[in-house]
Amino acid sequence: MKTENTTKTESHAKHLSHAWSIKEGVQPVTVLDPDLSVDEAYQVQLHTIDQYVKNGQRITGKKIGLTSKAMQEMLGVGEPDYGHLLDQMEFENGGTISSDLVLQPKVEGELAFILKEDLVGPNVTSLDVLKATDAIVPALEIVDSRIKDWKITLADTVADNASSGLYVLGGRPKKVGDVDLKQIGMALYKNGELLNTGVGAAALGDPAKCVAWLANKLATYGITLKKGEVILSGALSAAIEAEPGDHFYAKFAELGEVHVSFTE
C-alpha cells in the first residue's frame, strides 16, 4: 500500500507540473483519481515542495486559502486550505511579472504576517499568533492554477499547492499592537480602476485566527511555522483575473500600498 500511495503521489505531482511544459492547464487531478482524499492531496503538495527544495529553492512561508465563507461554500468545505511559499515566488513591490511565470493568474489583496518566533501546533491561539508576529505588511498574492480553466475541487487545489503562484510584499510594516487587524480596510485597483474592497474581518473574522488555524493544521503533518516566515493570511476580497499589460495595486489603511504589473 505504501508503494502504491507513493507511486500515486508522484504521478499526480508530475501531472500538475506538466502544465508548465505545455504552458497551459491540465485536467483536474480528481478526474484522473475521483477517490483522491484531501489528505492524499496534501501528500501530493508536500512531495512537490520537497522536490523544489531538493532542487535548491527555499521555503519562505505559507499561504492560507479558502478563508471566505463564499469560497468554502462553493467548494463544499468547512475550513480553509494552505500552500507553501518559496523564495522564487516572491516579487519586489512595483515589479513586473513575465508571462512565462504564470498560467492563469488572478490577484488578491491580503495581510501578511512576518513571524519573529516559531508557532508550533496543535494548540495555537490567535493570541499566540499576535505574540509571535514581528510585523504586519500588505501583500498581493498572485494565485494561479495548473488545472485548466480553474475547474477545481478542494482536493485539486490542495494538491496544486493551494493554487499558489507568486506574491508581493509592500507598504509600511506595522506592529500588531498598532493596528486593528479586523478593521484594516483594503481597496484593490486594476489599471487604475477600483474593482473591489475588503476588510481584515473578511478572513474568517480575524486574520490572526487564520494563522492559528494554519499552525494547528500543519501539526498534523509534523510541520511548524518558523521564525522569519511570511504567512499570507487569506484574501480580503474576490480574486481578479490578470492579463498581459495589467497593473494592480492595493491600498491598505495604515499600511500603505503594494503594486505589481504583468508584461505585455
C-alpha atoms as a PDB file:
ATOM      1  CA  MET A   1       0.000   0.000   0.000  1.00  0.00           C
ATOM      2  CA  LYS A   2       2.782   2.414   0.840  1.00  0.00           C
ATOM      3  CA  THR A   3       4.420   1.810  -2.527  1.00  0.00           C
ATOM      4  CA  GLU A   4       1.112   2.316  -4.313  1.00  0.00           C
ATOM      5  CA  ASN A   5       0.456   5.559  -2.466  1.00  0.00           C
ATOM      6  CA  THR A   6       3.957   6.817  -3.193  1.00  0.00           C
ATOM      7  CA  THR A   7       3.581   5.966  -6.853  1.00  0.00           C
ATOM      8  CA  LYS A   8       0.212   7.692  -6.997  1.00  0.00           C
ATOM      9  CA  THR A   9       1.560  10.774  -5.231  1.00  0.00           C
ATOM     10  CA  GLU A  10       4.453  11.080  -7.659  1.00  0.00           C
ATOM     11  CA  SER A  11       2.167  10.516 -10.643  1.00  0.00           C
ATOM     12  CA  HIS A  12      -0.224  13.287  -9.585  1.00  0.00           C
ATOM     13  CA  ALA A  13       2.660  15.668  -8.877  1.00  0.00           C
ATOM     14  CA  LYS A  14       4.111  15.046 -12.344  1.00  0.00           C
ATOM     15  CA  HIS A  15       0.688  15.541 -13.905  1.00  0.00           C
ATOM     16  CA  LEU A  16       0.389  19.009 -12.356  1.00  0.00           C
ATOM     17  CA  SER A  17       3.952  20.010 -13.213  1.00  0.00           C
ATOM     18  CA  HIS A  18       3.305  19.009 -16.827  1.00  0.00           C
ATOM     19  CA  ALA A  19       1.202  22.176 -17.116  1.00  0.00           C
ATOM     20  CA  TRP A  20       4.440  24.179 -17.217  1.00  0.00           C
ATOM     21  CA  SER A  21       5.817  22.006 -20.010  1.00  0.00           C
ATOM     22  CA  ILE A  22       2.824  22.636 -22.243  1.00  0.00           C
ATOM     23  CA  LYS A  23       2.209  26.201 -20.971  1.00  0.00           C
ATOM     24  CA  GLU A  24      -1.471  25.561 -20.248  1.00  0.00           C
ATOM     25  CA  GLY A  25      -3.680  23.978 -17.651  1.00  0.00           C
ATOM     26  CA  VAL A  26      -4.155  20.226 -17.370  1.00  0.00           C
ATOM     27  CA  GLN A  27      -7.073  18.017 -16.361  1.00  0.00           C
ATOM     28  CA  PRO A  28      -8.140  18.101 -12.711  1.00  0.00           C
ATOM     29  CA  VAL A  29      -6.362  15.502 -10.613  1.00  0.00           C
ATOM     30  CA  THR A  30      -9.762  14.348  -9.384  1.00  0.00           C
ATOM     31  CA  VAL A  31     -10.782  13.460 -12.932  1.00  0.00           C
ATOM     32  CA  LEU A  32      -7.838  11.060 -13.081  1.00  0.00           C
ATOM     33  CA  ASP A  33      -8.381   9.900  -9.491  1.00  0.00           C
ATOM     34  CA  PRO A  34     -12.003  10.507  -8.382  1.00  0.00           C
ATOM     35  CA  ASP A  35     -11.350   8.951  -4.963  1.00  0.00           C
ATOM     36  CA  LEU A  36      -8.442  11.255  -4.111  1.00  0.00           C
ATOM     37  CA  SER A  37      -8.826  12.370  -0.488  1.00  0.00           C
ATOM     38  CA  VAL A  38      -7.800  15.766   0.846  1.00  0.00           C
ATOM     39  CA  ASP A  39      -5.115  14.113   2.983  1.00  0.00           C
ATOM     40  CA  GLU A  40      -3.721  12.364  -0.112  1.00  0.00           C
ATOM     41  CA  ALA A  41      -3.844  15.706  -1.932  1.00  0.00           C
ATOM     42  CA  TYR A  42      -1.702  17.277   0.798  1.00  0.00           C
ATOM     43  CA  GLN A  43       0.801  14.460   0.286  1.00  0.00           C
ATOM     44  CA  VAL A  44       0.974  15.425  -3.395  1.00  0.00           C
ATOM     45  CA  GLN A  45       1.626  19.032  -2.400  1.00  0.00           C
ATOM     46  CA  LEU A  46       4.312  18.078   0.121  1.00  0.00           C
ATOM     47  CA  HIS A  47       6.019  15.826  -2.430  1.00  0.00           C
ATOM     48  CA  THR A  48       6.120  18.685  -4.946  1.00  0.00           C
ATOM     49  CA  ILE A  49       7.532  21.137  -2.410  1.00  0.00           C
ATOM     50  CA  ASP A  50      10.129  18.579  -1.327  1.00  0.00           C
ATOM     51  CA  GLN A  51      11.276  18.319  -4.943  1.00  0.00           C
ATOM     52  CA  TYR A  52      11.572  22.095  -5.246  1.00  0.00           C
ATOM     53  CA  VAL A  53      13.650  22.241  -2.065  1.00  0.00           C
ATOM     54  CA  LYS A  54      15.906  19.433  -3.270  1.00  0.00           C
ATOM     55  CA  ASN A  55      16.447  21.488  -6.436  1.00  0.00           C
ATOM     56  CA  GLY A  56      17.663  24.489  -4.445  1.00  0.00           C
ATOM     57  CA  GLN A  57      14.579  26.527  -3.663  1.00  0.00           C
ATOM     58  CA  ARG A  58      13.896  27.718  -0.121  1.00  0.00           C
ATOM     59  CA  ILE A  59      10.613  27.746   1.783  1.00  0.00           C
ATOM     60  CA  THR A  60       9.844  31.354   2.779  1.00  0.00           C
ATOM     61  CA  GLY A  61       6.435  30.860   4.330  1.00  0.00           C
ATOM     62  CA  LYS A  62       2.887  29.629   3.827  1.00  0.00           C
ATOM     63  CA  LYS A  63      -0.350  30.891   2.323  1.00  0.00           C
ATOM     64  CA  ILE A  64      -3.875  30.279   3.552  1.00  0.00           C
ATOM     65  CA  GLY A  65      -6.689  29.891   1.053  1.00  0.00           C
ATOM     66  CA  LEU A  66     -10.468  29.487   1.192  1.00  0.00           C
ATOM     67  CA  THR A  67     -10.825  31.828   4.151  1.00  0.00           C
ATOM     68  CA  SER A  68     -14.112  33.312   2.957  1.00  0.00           C
ATOM     69  CA  LYS A  69     -17.422  31.588   3.602  1.00  0.00           C
ATOM     70  CA  ALA A  70     -18.381  32.130  -0.042  1.00  0.00           C
ATOM     71  CA  MET A  71     -15.361  30.202  -1.317  1.00  0.00           C
ATOM     72  CA  GLN A  72     -15.846  27.453   1.260  1.00  0.00           C
ATOM     73  CA  GLU A  73     -19.463  27.033   0.257  1.00  0.00           C
ATOM     74  CA  MET A  74     -18.529  26.993  -3.423  1.00  0.00           C
ATOM     75  CA  LEU A  75     -16.191  24.034  -2.859  1.00  0.00           C
ATOM     76  CA  GLY A  76     -18.391  22.431  -0.203  1.00  0.00           C
ATOM     77  CA  VAL A  77     -15.878  22.617   2.648  1.00  0.00           C
ATOM     78  CA  GLY A  78     -15.898  23.934   6.193  1.00  0.00           C
ATOM     79  CA  GLU A  79     -12.300  25.042   6.637  1.00  0.00           C
ATOM     80  CA  PRO A  80      -9.504  26.787   4.734  1.00  0.00           C
ATOM     81  CA  ASP A  81      -6.586  25.130   2.966  1.00  0.00           C
ATOM     82  CA  TYR A  82      -2.909  26.002   2.785  1.00  0.00           C
ATOM     83  CA  GLY A  83       0.079  26.029   0.482  1.00  0.00           C
ATOM     84  CA  HIS A  84       3.801  26.712   0.644  1.00  0.00           C
ATOM     85  CA  LEU A  85       5.657  29.865  -0.407  1.00  0.00           C
ATOM     86  CA  LEU A  86       9.104  29.591  -1.963  1.00  0.00           C
ATOM     87  CA  ASP A  87      11.808  32.198  -2.486  1.00  0.00           C
ATOM     88  CA  GLN A  88      11.317  32.165  -6.263  1.00  0.00           C
ATOM     89  CA  MET A  89       7.658  33.112  -5.782  1.00  0.00           C
ATOM     90  CA  GLU A  90       8.426  36.497  -4.211  1.00  0.00           C
ATOM     91  CA  PHE A  91       8.499  39.640  -6.358  1.00  0.00           C
ATOM     92  CA  GLU A  92       9.523  43.106  -5.262  1.00  0.00           C
ATOM     93  CA  ASN A  93       6.922  45.782  -4.723  1.00  0.00           C
ATOM     94  CA  GLY A  94       6.345  47.547  -8.054  1.00  0.00           C
ATOM     95  CA  GLY A  95       7.920  44.706 -10.007  1.00  0.00           C
ATOM     96  CA  THR A  96       6.813  43.263 -13.334  1.00  0.00           C
ATOM     97  CA  ILE A  97       5.882  39.624 -13.773  1.00  0.00           C
ATOM     98  CA  SER A  98       6.810  37.924 -17.030  1.00  0.00           C
ATOM     99  CA  SER A  99       4.068  35.988 -18.769  1.00  0.00           C
ATOM    100  CA  ASP A 100       6.164  32.823 -18.792  1.00  0.00           C
ATOM    101  CA  LEU A 101       5.953  32.669 -14.986  1.00  0.00           C
ATOM    102  CA  VAL A 102       2.163  32.343 -14.832  1.00  0.00           C
ATOM    103  CA  LEU A 103      -0.587  30.318 -16.475  1.00  0.00           C
ATOM    104  CA  GLN A 104      -3.992  31.627 -15.343  1.00  0.00           C
ATOM    105  CA  PRO A 105      -3.159  34.340 -12.801  1.00  0.00           C
ATOM    106  CA  LYS A 106      -5.571  36.148 -10.523  1.00  0.00           C
ATOM    107  CA  VAL A 107      -4.703  38.829  -7.977  1.00  0.00           C
ATOM    108  CA  GLU A 108      -5.828  39.105  -4.360  1.00  0.00           C
ATOM    109  CA  GLY A 109      -5.117  41.643  -1.627  1.00  0.00           C
ATOM    110  CA  GLU A 110      -4.089  40.177   1.733  1.00  0.00           C
ATOM    111  CA  LEU A 111      -2.459  40.868   5.067  1.00  0.00           C
ATOM    112  CA  ALA A 112       0.902  39.167   5.561  1.00  0.00           C
ATOM    113  CA  PHE A 113       2.279  38.184   8.957  1.00  0.00           C
ATOM    114  CA  ILE A 114       6.070  38.173   9.415  1.00  0.00           C
ATOM    115  CA  LEU A 115       6.929  35.850  12.300  1.00  0.00           C
ATOM    116  CA  LYS A 116       9.559  36.553  14.959  1.00  0.00           C
ATOM    117  CA  GLU A 117       9.007  33.240  16.743  1.00  0.00           C
ATOM    118  CA  ASP A 118       8.105  29.693  15.765  1.00  0.00           C
ATOM    119  CA  LEU A 119       4.456  28.678  16.033  1.00  0.00           C
ATOM    120  CA  VAL A 120       4.030  25.026  16.943  1.00  0.00           C
ATOM    121  CA  GLY A 121       0.578  23.422  16.894  1.00  0.00           C
ATOM    122  CA  PRO A 122      -1.761  21.827  17.778  1.00  0.00           C
ATOM    123  CA  ASN A 123      -2.967  24.284  20.439  1.00  0.00           C
ATOM    124  CA  VAL A 124      -2.037  27.661  18.944  1.00  0.00           C
ATOM    125  CA  THR A 125      -4.483  30.517  19.643  1.00  0.00           C
ATOM    126  CA  SER A 126      -4.973  33.885  17.962  1.00  0.00           C
ATOM    127  CA  LEU A 127      -3.202  35.487  20.934  1.00  0.00           C
ATOM    128  CA  ASP A 128      -0.215  33.192  20.386  1.00  0.00           C
ATOM    129  CA  VAL A 129      -0.115  34.366  16.770  1.00  0.00           C
ATOM    130  CA  LEU A 130      -0.052  38.017  17.780  1.00  0.00           C
ATOM    131  CA  LYS A 131       2.745  37.386  20.271  1.00  0.00           C
ATOM    132  CA  ALA A 132       4.791  35.546  17.643  1.00  0.00           C
ATOM    133  CA  THR A 133       4.335  38.201  14.932  1.00  0.00           C
ATOM    134  CA  ASP A 134       7.072  40.729  14.268  1.00  0.00           C
ATOM    135  CA  ALA A 135       5.099  42.829  11.773  1.00  0.00           C
ATOM    136  CA  ILE A 136       2.065  43.040   9.512  1.00  0.00           C
ATOM    137  CA  VAL A 137       2.577  44.112   5.899  1.00  0.00           C
ATOM    138  CA  PRO A 138       0.215  44.488   2.934  1.00  0.00           C
ATOM    139  CA  ALA A 139       0.538  41.891   0.207  1.00  0.00           C
ATOM    140  CA  LEU A 140      -0.691  40.940  -3.221  1.00  0.00           C
ATOM    141  CA  GLU A 141      -0.984  37.235  -3.873  1.00  0.00           C
ATOM    142  CA  ILE A 142      -0.990  36.108  -7.486  1.00  0.00           C
ATOM    143  CA  VAL A 143      -2.938  32.881  -7.288  1.00  0.00           C
ATOM    144  CA  ASP A 144      -2.547  30.531 -10.216  1.00  0.00           C
ATOM    145  CA  SER A 145      -3.769  27.090 -11.164  1.00  0.00           C
ATOM    146  CA  ARG A 146      -2.223  24.244 -13.061  1.00  0.00           C
ATOM    147  CA  ILE A 147      -5.802  22.973 -13.546  1.00  0.00           C
ATOM    148  CA  LYS A 148      -7.360  24.067 -16.833  1.00  0.00           C
ATOM    149  CA  ASP A 149      -9.965  26.853 -16.525  1.00  0.00           C
ATOM    150  CA  TRP A 150      -9.805  26.698 -12.722  1.00  0.00           C
ATOM    151  CA  LYS A 151     -12.151  23.674 -12.706  1.00  0.00           C
ATOM    152  CA  ILE A 152     -11.076  22.690  -9.211  1.00  0.00           C
ATOM    153  CA  THR A 153     -12.372  20.781  -6.227  1.00  0.00           C
ATOM    154  CA  LEU A 154     -10.814  21.096  -2.778  1.00  0.00           C
ATOM    155  CA  ALA A 155      -8.546  18.101  -3.419  1.00  0.00           C
ATOM    156  CA  ASP A 156      -7.398  19.604  -6.728  1.00  0.00           C
ATOM    157  CA  THR A 157      -6.375  22.938  -5.261  1.00  0.00           C
ATOM    158  CA  VAL A 158      -4.693  21.307  -2.247  1.00  0.00           C
ATOM    159  CA  ALA A 159      -2.644  19.010  -4.483  1.00  0.00           C
ATOM    160  CA  ASP A 160      -1.750  22.085  -6.569  1.00  0.00           C
ATOM    161  CA  ASN A 161      -0.147  23.835  -3.576  1.00  0.00           C
ATOM    162  CA  ALA A 162      -3.401  25.646  -2.802  1.00  0.00           C
ATOM    163  CA  SER A 163      -3.268  27.298  -6.233  1.00  0.00           C
ATOM    164  CA  SER A 164      -0.194  29.265  -5.202  1.00  0.00           C
ATOM    165  CA  GLY A 165       1.566  31.371  -7.779  1.00  0.00           C
ATOM    166  CA  LEU A 166       3.579  34.412  -6.722  1.00  0.00           C
ATOM    167  CA  TYR A 167       3.424  37.096  -4.035  1.00  0.00           C
ATOM    168  CA  VAL A 168       4.456  40.696  -3.457  1.00  0.00           C
ATOM    169  CA  LEU A 169       5.022  42.421  -0.108  1.00  0.00           C
ATOM    170  CA  GLY A 170       4.885  46.201   0.201  1.00  0.00           C
ATOM    171  CA  GLY A 171       3.685  49.167   2.166  1.00  0.00           C
ATOM    172  CA  ARG A 172       4.777  50.092   5.663  1.00  0.00           C
ATOM    173  CA  PRO A 173       5.304  47.290   8.204  1.00  0.00           C
ATOM    174  CA  LYS A 174       3.326  47.748  11.412  1.00  0.00           C
ATOM    175  CA  LYS A 175       3.484  46.058  14.790  1.00  0.00           C
ATOM    176  CA  VAL A 176       0.338  44.104  15.562  1.00  0.00           C
ATOM    177  CA  GLY A 177      -0.322  46.260  18.598  1.00  0.00           C
ATOM    178  CA  ASP A 178      -0.521  49.365  16.412  1.00  0.00           C
ATOM    179  CA  VAL A 179      -3.360  48.177  14.165  1.00  0.00           C
ATOM    180  CA  ASP A 180      -6.777  46.546  14.457  1.00  0.00           C
ATOM    181  CA  LEU A 181      -6.401  43.572  12.158  1.00  0.00           C
ATOM    182  CA  LYS A 182     -10.131  43.010  11.862  1.00  0.00           C
ATOM    183  CA  GLN A 183     -10.810  46.595  10.803  1.00  0.00           C
ATOM    184  CA  ILE A 184      -7.976  47.227   8.323  1.00  0.00           C
ATOM    185  CA  GLY A 185      -9.589  48.286   5.057  1.00  0.00           C
ATOM    186  CA  MET A 186      -8.267  47.367   1.617  1.00  0.00           C
ATOM    187  CA  ALA A 187      -9.047  48.736  -1.855  1.00  0.00           C
ATOM    188  CA  LEU A 188      -7.864  46.744  -4.884  1.00  0.00           C
ATOM    189  CA  TYR A 189      -7.294  48.514  -8.221  1.00  0.00           C
ATOM    190  CA  LYS A 190      -6.734  47.147 -11.729  1.00  0.00           C
ATOM    191  CA  ASN A 191      -5.349  49.594 -14.297  1.00  0.00           C
ATOM    192  CA  GLY A 192      -6.348  52.483 -12.058  1.00  0.00           C
ATOM    193  CA  GLU A 193      -9.950  51.346 -11.618  1.00  0.00           C
ATOM    194  CA  LEU A 194     -11.252  50.360  -8.196  1.00  0.00           C
ATOM    195  CA  LEU A 195     -12.656  46.856  -8.600  1.00  0.00           C
ATOM    196  CA  ASN A 196     -13.277  45.684  -5.059  1.00  0.00           C
ATOM    197  CA  THR A 197     -12.747  46.406  -1.405  1.00  0.00           C
ATOM    198  CA  GLY A 198     -12.331  44.343   1.712  1.00  0.00           C
ATOM    199  CA  VAL A 199     -11.579  44.404   5.403  1.00  0.00           C
ATOM    200  CA  GLY A 200      -9.472  42.253   7.694  1.00  0.00           C
ATOM    201  CA  ALA A 201     -12.509  40.545   9.179  1.00  0.00           C
ATOM    202  CA  ALA A 202     -13.246  39.022   5.746  1.00  0.00           C
ATOM    203  CA  ALA A 203     -10.625  36.371   6.545  1.00  0.00           C
ATOM    204  CA  LEU A 204     -12.532  34.056   8.940  1.00  0.00           C
ATOM    205  CA  GLY A 205     -13.488  37.072  11.033  1.00  0.00           C
ATOM    206  CA  ASP A 206      -9.882  37.668  12.100  1.00  0.00           C
ATOM    207  CA  PRO A 207      -6.648  37.176  10.102  1.00  0.00           C
ATOM    208  CA  ALA A 208      -4.850  36.034  13.263  1.00  0.00           C
ATOM    209  CA  LYS A 209      -7.416  33.247  13.608  1.00  0.00           C
ATOM    210  CA  CYS A 210      -6.453  32.082  10.108  1.00  0.00           C
ATOM    211  CA  VAL A 211      -2.783  31.854  11.077  1.00  0.00           C
ATOM    212  CA  ALA A 212      -3.678  29.956  14.257  1.00  0.00           C
ATOM    213  CA  TRP A 213      -5.716  27.506  12.167  1.00  0.00           C
ATOM    214  CA  LEU A 214      -2.715  27.025   9.896  1.00  0.00           C
ATOM    215  CA  ALA A 215      -0.282  26.329  12.733  1.00  0.00           C
ATOM    216  CA  ASN A 216      -2.648  23.735  14.162  1.00  0.00           C
ATOM    217  CA  LYS A 217      -3.374  22.145  10.774  1.00  0.00           C
ATOM    218  CA  LEU A 218       0.331  21.842   9.993  1.00  0.00           C
ATOM    219  CA  ALA A 219       0.911  19.953  13.238  1.00  0.00           C
ATOM    220  CA  THR A 220      -0.996  17.082  11.617  1.00  0.00           C
ATOM    221  CA  TYR A 221       1.864  16.776   9.125  1.00  0.00           C
ATOM    222  CA  GLY A 222       4.679  17.421  11.599  1.00  0.00           C
ATOM    223  CA  ILE A 223       5.316  20.919  10.193  1.00  0.00           C
ATOM    224  CA  THR A 224       5.774  24.116  12.204  1.00  0.00           C
ATOM    225  CA  LEU A 225       5.684  27.779  11.225  1.00  0.00           C
ATOM    226  CA  LYS A 226       9.206  29.151  11.550  1.00  0.00           C
ATOM    227  CA  LYS A 227      10.653  32.427  12.750  1.00  0.00           C
ATOM    228  CA  GLY A 228      11.107  34.737   9.749  1.00  0.00           C
ATOM    229  CA  GLU A 229       8.438  33.080   7.636  1.00  0.00           C
ATOM    230  CA  VAL A 230       5.833  35.066   5.703  1.00  0.00           C
ATOM    231  CA  ILE A 231       2.242  33.966   6.243  1.00  0.00           C
ATOM    232  CA  LEU A 232      -0.348  35.188   3.754  1.00  0.00           C
ATOM    233  CA  SER A 233      -3.483  35.111   5.873  1.00  0.00           C
ATOM    234  CA  GLY A 234      -6.196  34.996   3.200  1.00  0.00           C
ATOM    235  CA  ALA A 235      -7.862  37.163   0.581  1.00  0.00           C
ATOM    236  CA  LEU A 236      -9.846  40.175   1.786  1.00  0.00           C
ATOM    237  CA  SER A 237     -11.954  40.247  -1.385  1.00  0.00           C
ATOM    238  CA  ALA A 238     -12.550  38.330  -4.588  1.00  0.00           C
ATOM    239  CA  ALA A 239      -9.620  37.463  -6.858  1.00  0.00           C
ATOM    240  CA  ILE A 240      -9.330  39.484 -10.084  1.00  0.00           C
ATOM    241  CA  GLU A 241      -8.119  37.961 -13.340  1.00  0.00           C
ATOM    242  CA  ALA A 242      -4.834  39.323 -14.651  1.00  0.00           C
ATOM    243  CA  GLU A 243      -3.993  39.753 -18.339  1.00  0.00           C
ATOM    244  CA  PRO A 244      -0.741  40.798 -20.044  1.00  0.00           C
ATOM    245  CA  GLY A 245      -0.214  44.539 -19.631  1.00  0.00           C
ATOM    246  CA  ASP A 246      -2.328  44.844 -16.479  1.00  0.00           C
ATOM    247  CA  HIS A 247      -1.200  46.820 -13.451  1.00  0.00           C
ATOM    248  CA  PHE A 248      -2.587  46.122  -9.983  1.00  0.00           C
ATOM    249  CA  TYR A 249      -2.225  47.900  -6.707  1.00  0.00           C
ATOM    250  CA  ALA A 250      -3.887  47.676  -3.332  1.00  0.00           C
ATOM    251  CA  LYS A 251      -4.229  50.409  -0.733  1.00  0.00           C
ATOM    252  CA  PHE A 252      -4.404  49.333   2.898  1.00  0.00           C
ATOM    253  CA  ALA A 253      -5.479  51.652   5.689  1.00  0.00           C
ATOM    254  CA  GLU A 254      -2.440  52.498   7.838  1.00  0.00           C
ATOM    255  CA  LEU A 255      -0.231  50.064   5.921  1.00  0.00           C
ATOM    256  CA  GLY A 256       0.294  51.782   2.568  1.00  0.00           C
ATOM    257  CA  GLU A 257       0.285  50.335  -0.926  1.00  0.00           C
ATOM    258  CA  VAL A 258       1.595  47.328  -2.802  1.00  0.00           C
ATOM    259  CA  HIS A 259       1.957  47.220  -6.629  1.00  0.00           C
ATOM    260  CA  VAL A 260       2.608  44.686  -9.367  1.00  0.00           C
ATOM    261  CA  SER A 261       2.427  44.642 -13.183  1.00  0.00           C
ATOM    262  CA  PHE A 262       2.284  41.952 -15.851  1.00  0.00           C
ATOM    263  CA  THR A 263       4.293  42.120 -19.069  1.00  0.00           C
ATOM    264  CA  GLU A 264       2.571  42.719 -22.408  1.00  0.00           C
END
